Amino acid sequence: WRDVTWQAKTDNEVLKRRLWDLEKALEQAREDKRDIHEEMTRQYQQLQKQTAAHSQRLEAKVKSLQEQLATRLRESQQTQETATQALAEKDKTIAQLQGRLDAMEREYEKILHGSLDLMLAKMAEASQHWEEIGMTIAMEHKERLQEFSLNPLEI
């Protein structure tokens, strides 16, 4: 019995030590779990802060880009309106110049036709005058030829 008791006490001591070691290991595992949980919570909170800051930066950038887009659209519309006005003014000027050109062309045609009519009248007058002079000269020559008893038709 003594040996068995002694063996039982020894086994009891070994089991107590083993139980104590396991309790220590369990306590260490719990501390490790708590440390890991705290570290993960800290990292999660830091990541949340970074995400929020990044989100705010992106929202600010989006707002800035939207403002720039609105400004560019206004500038584009103003430029288009200016170009449309310039084109309308150009078309108006072209129409005015074309009208003036057409009027000048009609005036020049009038002047040309008037000058040509005047020149034709003068030419007709000159032609008639020279015909009369030619007839007078021809008659004078005919008379002179007849004075000399020459037949003007034979010459």
C-alpha atoms as a PDB file:
ATOM      1  CA  TRP A   1       0.000   0.000   0.000  1.00  0.00           C
ATOM      2  CA  ARG A   2       2.824   2.240   0.750  1.00  0.00           C
ATOM      3  CA  ASP A   3       4.246   1.932  -2.698  1.00  0.00           C
ATOM      4  CA  VAL A   4       0.868   2.437  -4.245  1.00  0.00           C
ATOM      5  CA  THR A   5       0.219   5.441  -1.993  1.00  0.00           C
ATOM      6  CA  TRP A   6       3.623   6.847  -2.766  1.00  0.00           C
ATOM      7  CA  GLN A   7       3.044   6.153  -6.486  1.00  0.00           C
ATOM      8  CA  ALA A   8      -0.396   7.772  -6.244  1.00  0.00           C
ATOM      9  CA  LYS A   9       1.053  10.836  -4.510  1.00  0.00           C
ATOM     10  CA  THR A  10       3.759  11.077  -7.136  1.00  0.00           C
ATOM     11  CA  ASP A  11       1.220  10.721  -9.901  1.00  0.00           C
ATOM     12  CA  ASN A  12      -0.969  13.263  -8.093  1.00  0.00           C
ATOM     13  CA  GLU A  13       1.963  15.685  -7.924  1.00  0.00           C
ATOM     14  CA  VAL A  14       2.760  15.100 -11.601  1.00  0.00           C
ATOM     15  CA  LEU A  15      -0.881  15.613 -12.493  1.00  0.00           C
ATOM     16  CA  LYS A  16      -1.073  18.776 -10.358  1.00  0.00           C
ATOM     17  CA  ARG A  17       2.069  20.114 -12.048  1.00  0.00           C
ATOM     18  CA  ARG A  18       0.711  19.167 -15.376  1.00  0.00           C
ATOM     19  CA  LEU A  19      -2.633  20.800 -14.512  1.00  0.00           C
ATOM     20  CA  TRP A  20      -0.774  23.868 -13.295  1.00  0.00           C
ATOM     21  CA  ASP A  21       1.276  23.944 -16.567  1.00  0.00           C
ATOM     22  CA  LEU A  22      -1.904  23.553 -18.606  1.00  0.00           C
ATOM     23  CA  GLU A  23      -3.608  26.322 -16.611  1.00  0.00           C
ATOM     24  CA  LYS A  24      -0.554  28.510 -17.216  1.00  0.00           C
ATOM     25  CA  ALA A  25      -0.622  27.620 -20.918  1.00  0.00           C
ATOM     26  CA  LEU A  26      -4.366  28.346 -20.996  1.00  0.00           C
ATOM     27  CA  GLU A  27      -3.826  31.682 -19.248  1.00  0.00           C
ATOM     28  CA  GLN A  28      -1.004  32.503 -21.697  1.00  0.00           C
ATOM     29  CA  ALA A  29      -3.248  31.544 -24.623  1.00  0.00           C
ATOM     30  CA  ARG A  30      -5.999  33.789 -23.216  1.00  0.00           C
ATOM     31  CA  GLU A  31      -3.506  36.671 -22.866  1.00  0.00           C
ATOM     32  CA  ASP A  32      -2.230  36.051 -26.398  1.00  0.00           C
ATOM     33  CA  LYS A  33      -5.831  35.988 -27.635  1.00  0.00           C
ATOM     34  CA  ARG A  34      -6.589  39.258 -25.804  1.00  0.00           C
ATOM     35  CA  ASP A  35      -3.370  40.858 -27.168  1.00  0.00           C
ATOM     36  CA  ILE A  36      -4.186  39.695 -30.693  1.00  0.00           C
ATOM     37  CA  HIS A  37      -7.759  40.975 -30.321  1.00  0.00           C
ATOM     38  CA  GLU A  38      -6.514  44.359 -29.068  1.00  0.00           C
ATOM     39  CA  GLU A  39      -3.966  44.580 -31.881  1.00  0.00           C
ATOM     40  CA  MET A  40      -6.577  43.659 -34.479  1.00  0.00           C
ATOM     41  CA  THR A  41      -9.007  46.206 -32.988  1.00  0.00           C
ATOM     42  CA  ARG A  42      -6.289  48.870 -33.090  1.00  0.00           C
ATOM     43  CA  GLN A  43      -5.403  47.989 -36.701  1.00  0.00           C
ATOM     44  CA  TYR A  44      -9.107  47.952 -37.642  1.00  0.00           C
ATOM     45  CA  GLN A  45      -9.631  51.383 -36.113  1.00  0.00           C
ATOM     46  CA  GLN A  46      -6.512  52.718 -37.835  1.00  0.00           C
ATOM     47  CA  LEU A  47      -7.680  51.243 -41.134  1.00  0.00           C
ATOM     48  CA  GLN A  48     -11.128  52.792 -40.572  1.00  0.00           C
ATOM     49  CA  LYS A  49      -9.518  56.200 -39.966  1.00  0.00           C
ATOM     50  CA  GLN A  50      -7.373  55.842 -43.093  1.00  0.00           C
ATOM     51  CA  THR A  51     -10.401  54.779 -45.117  1.00  0.00           C
ATOM     52  CA  ALA A  52     -12.447  57.715 -43.824  1.00  0.00           C
ATOM     53  CA  ALA A  53      -9.614  60.156 -44.586  1.00  0.00           C
ATOM     54  CA  HIS A  54      -9.162  58.656 -48.061  1.00  0.00           C
ATOM     55  CA  SER A  55     -12.913  58.826 -48.644  1.00  0.00           C
ATOM     56  CA  GLN A  56     -12.962  62.495 -47.613  1.00  0.00           C
ATOM     57  CA  ARG A  57     -10.046  63.256 -49.944  1.00  0.00           C
ATOM     58  CA  LEU A  58     -11.813  61.493 -52.792  1.00  0.00           C
ATOM     59  CA  GLU A  59     -15.062  63.343 -52.076  1.00  0.00           C
ATOM     60  CA  ALA A  60     -13.183  66.658 -52.044  1.00  0.00           C
ATOM     61  CA  LYS A  61     -11.483  65.728 -55.312  1.00  0.00           C
ATOM     62  CA  VAL A  62     -14.824  64.745 -56.871  1.00  0.00           C
ATOM     63  CA  LYS A  63     -16.337  68.050 -55.746  1.00  0.00           C
ATOM     64  CA  SER A  64     -13.358  69.957 -57.164  1.00  0.00           C
ATOM     65  CA  LEU A  65     -13.568  68.065 -60.456  1.00  0.00           C
ATOM     66  CA  GLN A  66     -17.321  68.700 -60.661  1.00  0.00           C
ATOM     67  CA  GLU A  67     -16.706  72.419 -60.113  1.00  0.00           C
ATOM     68  CA  GLN A  68     -13.988  72.403 -62.783  1.00  0.00           C
ATOM     69  CA  LEU A  69     -16.329  70.566 -65.158  1.00  0.00           C
ATOM     70  CA  ALA A  70     -19.096  73.101 -64.531  1.00  0.00           C
ATOM     71  CA  THR A  71     -16.632  75.950 -65.122  1.00  0.00           C
ATOM     72  CA  ARG A  72     -15.367  74.356 -68.346  1.00  0.00           C
ATOM     73  CA  LEU A  73     -18.930  73.803 -69.527  1.00  0.00           C
ATOM     74  CA  ARG A  74     -19.788  77.455 -68.884  1.00  0.00           C
ATOM     75  CA  GLU A  75     -16.607  78.562 -70.670  1.00  0.00           C
ATOM     76  CA  SER A  76     -17.386  76.234 -73.576  1.00  0.00           C
ATOM     77  CA  GLN A  77     -20.919  77.596 -73.824  1.00  0.00           C
ATOM     78  CA  GLN A  78     -19.640  81.177 -73.732  1.00  0.00           C
ATOM     79  CA  THR A  79     -17.042  80.365 -76.382  1.00  0.00           C
ATOM     80  CA  GLN A  80     -19.696  78.744 -78.537  1.00  0.00           C
ATOM     81  CA  GLU A  81     -21.984  81.756 -78.123  1.00  0.00           C
ATOM     82  CA  THR A  82     -19.114  84.098 -78.997  1.00  0.00           C
ATOM     83  CA  ALA A  83     -18.276  82.010 -82.059  1.00  0.00           C
ATOM     84  CA  THR A  84     -21.938  81.984 -83.104  1.00  0.00           C
ATOM     85  CA  GLN A  85     -22.135  85.752 -82.730  1.00  0.00           C
ATOM     86  CA  ALA A  86     -18.892  86.220 -84.664  1.00  0.00           C
ATOM     87  CA  LEU A  87     -20.191  83.936 -87.412  1.00  0.00           C
ATOM     88  CA  ALA A  88     -23.494  85.847 -87.541  1.00  0.00           C
ATOM     89  CA  GLU A  89     -21.618  89.161 -87.757  1.00  0.00           C
ATOM     90  CA  LYS A  90     -19.378  87.717 -90.464  1.00  0.00           C
ATOM     91  CA  ASP A  91     -22.412  86.504 -92.428  1.00  0.00           C
ATOM     92  CA  LYS A  92     -24.066  89.911 -92.006  1.00  0.00           C
ATOM     93  CA  THR A  93     -20.909  91.676 -93.211  1.00  0.00           C
ATOM     94  CA  ILE A  94     -20.629  89.303 -96.164  1.00  0.00           C
ATOM     95  CA  ALA A  95     -24.285  89.921 -97.040  1.00  0.00           C
ATOM     96  CA  GLN A  96     -23.748  93.691 -96.834  1.00  0.00           C
ATOM     97  CA  LEU A  97     -20.612  93.504 -98.971  1.00  0.00           C
ATOM     98  CA  GLN A  98     -22.370  91.229-101.473  1.00  0.00           C
ATOM     99  CA  GLY A  99     -25.225  93.741-101.662  1.00  0.00           C
ATOM    100  CA  ARG A 100     -22.779  96.575-102.239  1.00  0.00           C
ATOM    101  CA  LEU A 101     -20.965  94.491-104.849  1.00  0.00           C
ATOM    102  CA  ASP A 102     -24.241  93.722-106.643  1.00  0.00           C
ATOM    103  CA  ALA A 103     -25.215  97.415-106.572  1.00  0.00           C
ATOM    104  CA  MET A 104     -21.788  98.405-107.919  1.00  0.00           C
ATOM    105  CA  GLU A 105     -22.072  95.759-110.618  1.00  0.00           C
ATOM    106  CA  ARG A 106     -25.489  97.073-111.683  1.00  0.00           C
ATOM    107  CA  GLU A 107     -24.149 100.642-111.658  1.00  0.00           C
ATOM    108  CA  TYR A 108     -21.133  99.640-113.764  1.00  0.00           C
ATOM    109  CA  GLU A 109     -23.417  97.792-116.196  1.00  0.00           C
ATOM    110  CA  LYS A 110     -25.579 100.902-116.434  1.00  0.00           C
ATOM    111  CA  ILE A 111     -22.529 103.076-117.065  1.00  0.00           C
ATOM    112  CA  LEU A 112     -21.129 100.591-119.594  1.00  0.00           C
ATOM    113  CA  HIS A 113     -24.431 100.304-121.455  1.00  0.00           C
ATOM    114  CA  GLY A 114     -24.824 104.095-121.396  1.00  0.00           C
ATOM    115  CA  SER A 115     -21.272 104.550-122.696  1.00  0.00           C
ATOM    116  CA  LEU A 116     -21.776 101.908-125.388  1.00  0.00           C
ATOM    117  CA  ASP A 117     -25.105 103.472-126.439  1.00  0.00           C
ATOM    118  CA  LEU A 118     -23.456 106.894-126.552  1.00  0.00           C
ATOM    119  CA  MET A 119     -20.530 105.496-128.553  1.00  0.00           C
ATOM    120  CA  LEU A 120     -22.907 103.721-130.982  1.00  0.00           C
ATOM    121  CA  ALA A 121     -24.848 106.941-131.443  1.00  0.00           C
ATOM    122  CA  LYS A 122     -21.628 108.860-132.096  1.00  0.00           C
ATOM    123  CA  MET A 123     -20.431 106.156-134.478  1.00  0.00           C
ATOM    124  CA  ALA A 124     -23.748 106.229-136.335  1.00  0.00           C
ATOM    125  CA  GLU A 125     -23.536 110.016-136.483  1.00  0.00           C
ATOM    126  CA  ALA A 126     -19.903 109.854-137.631  1.00  0.00           C
ATOM    127  CA  SER A 127     -20.758 107.143-140.151  1.00  0.00           C
ATOM    128  CA  GLN A 128     -23.557 109.250-141.557  1.00  0.00           C
ATOM    129  CA  HIS A 129     -21.295 112.300-141.610  1.00  0.00           C
ATOM    130  CA  TRP A 130     -18.517 110.434-143.415  1.00  0.00           C
ATOM    131  CA  GLU A 131     -21.011 108.925-145.825  1.00  0.00           C
ATOM    132  CA  GLU A 132     -22.250 112.391-146.647  1.00  0.00           C
ATOM    133  CA  ILE A 133     -18.659 113.622-147.055  1.00  0.00           C
ATOM    134  CA  GLY A 134     -17.859 110.555-149.146  1.00  0.00           C
ATOM    135  CA  MET A 135     -20.904 111.166-151.317  1.00  0.00           C
ATOM    136  CA  THR A 136     -19.974 114.819-151.694  1.00  0.00           C
ATOM    137  CA  ILE A 137     -16.415 113.910-152.706  1.00  0.00           C
ATOM    138  CA  ALA A 138     -17.699 111.212-155.067  1.00  0.00           C
ATOM    139  CA  MET A 139     -20.092 113.706-156.656  1.00  0.00           C
ATOM    140  CA  GLU A 140     -17.351 116.272-157.023  1.00  0.00           C
ATOM    141  CA  HIS A 141     -15.098 113.723-158.698  1.00  0.00           C
ATOM    142  CA  LYS A 142     -17.922 112.593-160.935  1.00  0.00           C
ATOM    143  CA  GLU A 143     -18.607 116.169-161.964  1.00  0.00           C
ATOM    144  CA  ARG A 144     -14.952 116.816-162.680  1.00  0.00           C
ATOM    145  CA  LEU A 145     -14.714 113.643-164.704  1.00  0.00           C
ATOM    146  CA  GLN A 146     -17.755 114.699-166.657  1.00  0.00           C
ATOM    147  CA  GLU A 147     -16.195 118.132-167.219  1.00  0.00           C
ATOM    148  CA  PHE A 148     -13.399 116.329-168.948  1.00  0.00           C
ATOM    149  CA  SER A 149     -15.970 114.246-170.853  1.00  0.00           C
ATOM    150  CA  LEU A 150     -14.989 111.052-169.101  1.00  0.00           C
ATOM    151  CA  ASN A 151     -17.486 108.435-168.070  1.00  0.00           C
ATOM    152  CA  PRO A 152     -17.001 107.725-164.362  1.00  0.00           C
ATOM    153  CA  LEU A 153     -18.474 104.239-164.715  1.00  0.00           C
ATOM    154  CA  GLU A 154     -15.746 103.198-167.118  1.00  0.00           C
ATOM    155  CA  ILE A 155     -12.931 104.249-164.887  1.00  0.00           C
END
